[in-house]
N, C-alpha and C. Protein backbone atom coordinates (compact mmCIF):
# COMPACT_ATOMS: atom_id res chain seq x y z
N MET A 1 -25.14 6.74 -8.31
CA MET A 1 -24.86 7.92 -7.63
C MET A 1 -24.00 8.78 -8.61
N ASP A 2 -24.53 9.79 -9.24
CA ASP A 2 -23.74 10.59 -10.16
C ASP A 2 -23.21 11.88 -9.63
N ASP A 3 -23.66 12.33 -8.46
CA ASP A 3 -23.16 13.49 -7.89
C ASP A 3 -21.76 13.28 -7.30
N PRO A 4 -20.80 13.98 -7.86
CA PRO A 4 -19.43 13.87 -7.32
C PRO A 4 -19.28 14.15 -5.85
N THR A 5 -19.99 15.12 -5.26
CA THR A 5 -19.86 15.47 -3.88
C THR A 5 -20.50 14.33 -3.03
N ALA A 6 -21.63 13.82 -3.50
CA ALA A 6 -22.21 12.74 -2.76
C ALA A 6 -21.39 11.48 -2.78
N ARG A 7 -20.78 11.20 -3.93
CA ARG A 7 -19.96 9.99 -4.11
C ARG A 7 -18.72 10.09 -3.21
N THR A 8 -18.13 11.33 -3.15
CA THR A 8 -16.91 11.51 -2.32
C THR A 8 -17.36 11.34 -0.82
N THR A 9 -18.39 11.97 -0.41
CA THR A 9 -18.94 11.88 0.90
C THR A 9 -19.14 10.45 1.37
N ALA A 10 -19.86 9.69 0.44
CA ALA A 10 -20.13 8.30 0.76
C ALA A 10 -18.85 7.51 0.85
N GLY A 11 -17.83 7.80 0.05
CA GLY A 11 -16.62 7.12 0.11
C GLY A 11 -15.89 7.30 1.40
N TYR A 12 -15.80 8.63 1.87
CA TYR A 12 -15.23 8.91 3.24
C TYR A 12 -16.04 8.25 4.26
N ASP A 13 -17.31 8.22 4.22
CA ASP A 13 -18.12 7.59 5.21
C ASP A 13 -17.81 6.10 5.31
N ARG A 14 -17.59 5.48 4.20
CA ARG A 14 -17.33 4.05 4.14
C ARG A 14 -16.00 3.71 4.78
N ILE A 15 -15.01 4.58 4.54
CA ILE A 15 -13.65 4.19 5.04
C ILE A 15 -13.43 4.82 6.50
N ALA A 16 -14.25 5.63 6.94
CA ALA A 16 -13.98 6.27 8.20
C ALA A 16 -13.75 5.38 9.43
N PRO A 17 -14.43 4.22 9.56
CA PRO A 17 -14.15 3.41 10.70
C PRO A 17 -12.74 2.77 10.61
N VAL A 18 -12.37 2.32 9.47
CA VAL A 18 -10.95 1.80 9.29
C VAL A 18 -9.97 2.80 9.48
N PHE A 19 -10.10 4.00 8.99
CA PHE A 19 -9.18 5.14 9.11
C PHE A 19 -9.09 5.51 10.60
N ALA A 20 -10.15 5.57 11.34
CA ALA A 20 -10.15 5.91 12.76
C ALA A 20 -9.34 4.88 13.59
N THR A 21 -9.46 3.68 13.28
CA THR A 21 -8.83 2.52 13.99
C THR A 21 -7.37 2.61 13.61
N ARG A 22 -6.98 2.81 12.44
CA ARG A 22 -5.60 2.89 12.08
C ARG A 22 -4.92 4.11 12.63
N SER A 23 -5.61 5.21 12.73
CA SER A 23 -5.10 6.42 13.24
C SER A 23 -4.86 6.38 14.72
N GLU A 24 -5.63 5.59 15.44
CA GLU A 24 -5.44 5.48 16.87
C GLU A 24 -4.15 4.98 17.26
N THR A 25 -3.75 3.92 16.65
CA THR A 25 -2.54 3.25 16.96
C THR A 25 -1.71 2.92 15.56
N PRO A 26 -1.08 3.90 14.96
CA PRO A 26 -0.42 3.65 13.77
C PRO A 26 0.79 2.67 14.00
N ASP A 27 1.01 1.72 13.03
CA ASP A 27 2.14 0.82 13.13
C ASP A 27 3.51 1.48 12.92
N ALA A 28 4.50 0.85 13.11
CA ALA A 28 5.91 1.35 12.95
C ALA A 28 6.18 1.74 11.50
N ALA A 29 5.64 0.98 10.62
CA ALA A 29 5.92 1.25 9.21
C ALA A 29 5.33 2.57 8.78
N PHE A 30 4.03 2.81 9.24
CA PHE A 30 3.37 4.05 8.92
C PHE A 30 4.08 5.31 9.56
N LEU A 31 4.44 5.07 10.85
CA LEU A 31 5.13 6.19 11.60
C LEU A 31 6.38 6.50 10.79
N ALA A 32 7.17 5.45 10.41
CA ALA A 32 8.43 5.74 9.68
C ALA A 32 8.18 6.48 8.34
N PHE A 33 7.12 6.02 7.66
CA PHE A 33 6.75 6.69 6.31
C PHE A 33 6.42 8.17 6.59
N ARG A 34 5.52 8.35 7.58
CA ARG A 34 5.12 9.74 7.96
C ARG A 34 6.35 10.68 8.31
N GLN A 35 7.26 10.11 9.00
CA GLN A 35 8.46 10.86 9.39
C GLN A 35 9.29 11.23 8.10
N ARG A 36 9.53 10.25 7.17
CA ARG A 36 10.18 10.51 5.94
C ARG A 36 9.53 11.55 5.16
N PHE A 37 8.14 11.41 5.07
CA PHE A 37 7.39 12.37 4.28
C PHE A 37 7.53 13.72 4.82
N ALA A 38 7.32 13.89 6.18
CA ALA A 38 7.45 15.19 6.83
C ALA A 38 8.83 15.83 6.67
N THR A 39 9.84 15.01 6.73
CA THR A 39 11.25 15.43 6.63
C THR A 39 11.46 16.00 5.16
N ALA A 40 10.85 15.35 4.21
CA ALA A 40 11.04 15.80 2.86
C ALA A 40 10.36 17.11 2.52
N LEU A 41 9.34 17.48 3.28
CA LEU A 41 8.61 18.74 2.98
C LEU A 41 9.44 19.96 3.33
N PRO A 42 9.40 20.95 2.52
CA PRO A 42 10.18 22.26 2.87
C PRO A 42 9.39 22.92 4.07
N THR A 43 10.03 23.71 4.85
CA THR A 43 9.30 24.45 5.85
C THR A 43 8.18 25.30 5.25
N GLY A 44 7.03 25.14 5.91
CA GLY A 44 5.82 25.84 5.38
C GLY A 44 5.21 25.24 4.09
N GLY A 45 5.76 24.07 3.65
CA GLY A 45 5.22 23.43 2.50
C GLY A 45 3.72 23.03 2.64
N ARG A 46 3.09 22.91 1.58
CA ARG A 46 1.69 22.59 1.54
C ARG A 46 1.49 21.10 0.97
N VAL A 47 0.53 20.42 1.39
CA VAL A 47 0.20 19.15 0.93
C VAL A 47 -1.33 19.17 0.51
N ALA A 48 -1.57 18.71 -0.75
CA ALA A 48 -2.96 18.59 -1.19
C ALA A 48 -3.42 17.23 -1.19
N ASP A 49 -4.56 16.93 -0.70
CA ASP A 49 -5.18 15.67 -0.76
C ASP A 49 -6.06 15.57 -2.00
N LEU A 50 -5.61 14.99 -3.09
CA LEU A 50 -6.33 15.02 -4.27
C LEU A 50 -7.35 13.90 -4.46
N GLY A 51 -7.29 12.93 -3.45
CA GLY A 51 -8.25 11.91 -3.53
C GLY A 51 -7.92 10.92 -4.68
N ARG A 52 -8.93 10.07 -4.89
CA ARG A 52 -8.73 9.04 -5.90
C ARG A 52 -10.11 8.76 -6.46
N ARG A 53 -10.15 8.58 -7.71
CA ARG A 53 -11.41 8.19 -8.35
C ARG A 53 -11.48 6.78 -8.85
């Protein structure tokens, strides 16, 4: 699969079930991380999901 869009789509499709399960009931460590991250962002700050290759 050489098409970057198709590769990215396939990757997201592959991890979607795990992501959905984790998102339904995040554990305490993730909730704490998310709070620290959100607190560190300036008001109106933007976050870019750059993905991973």
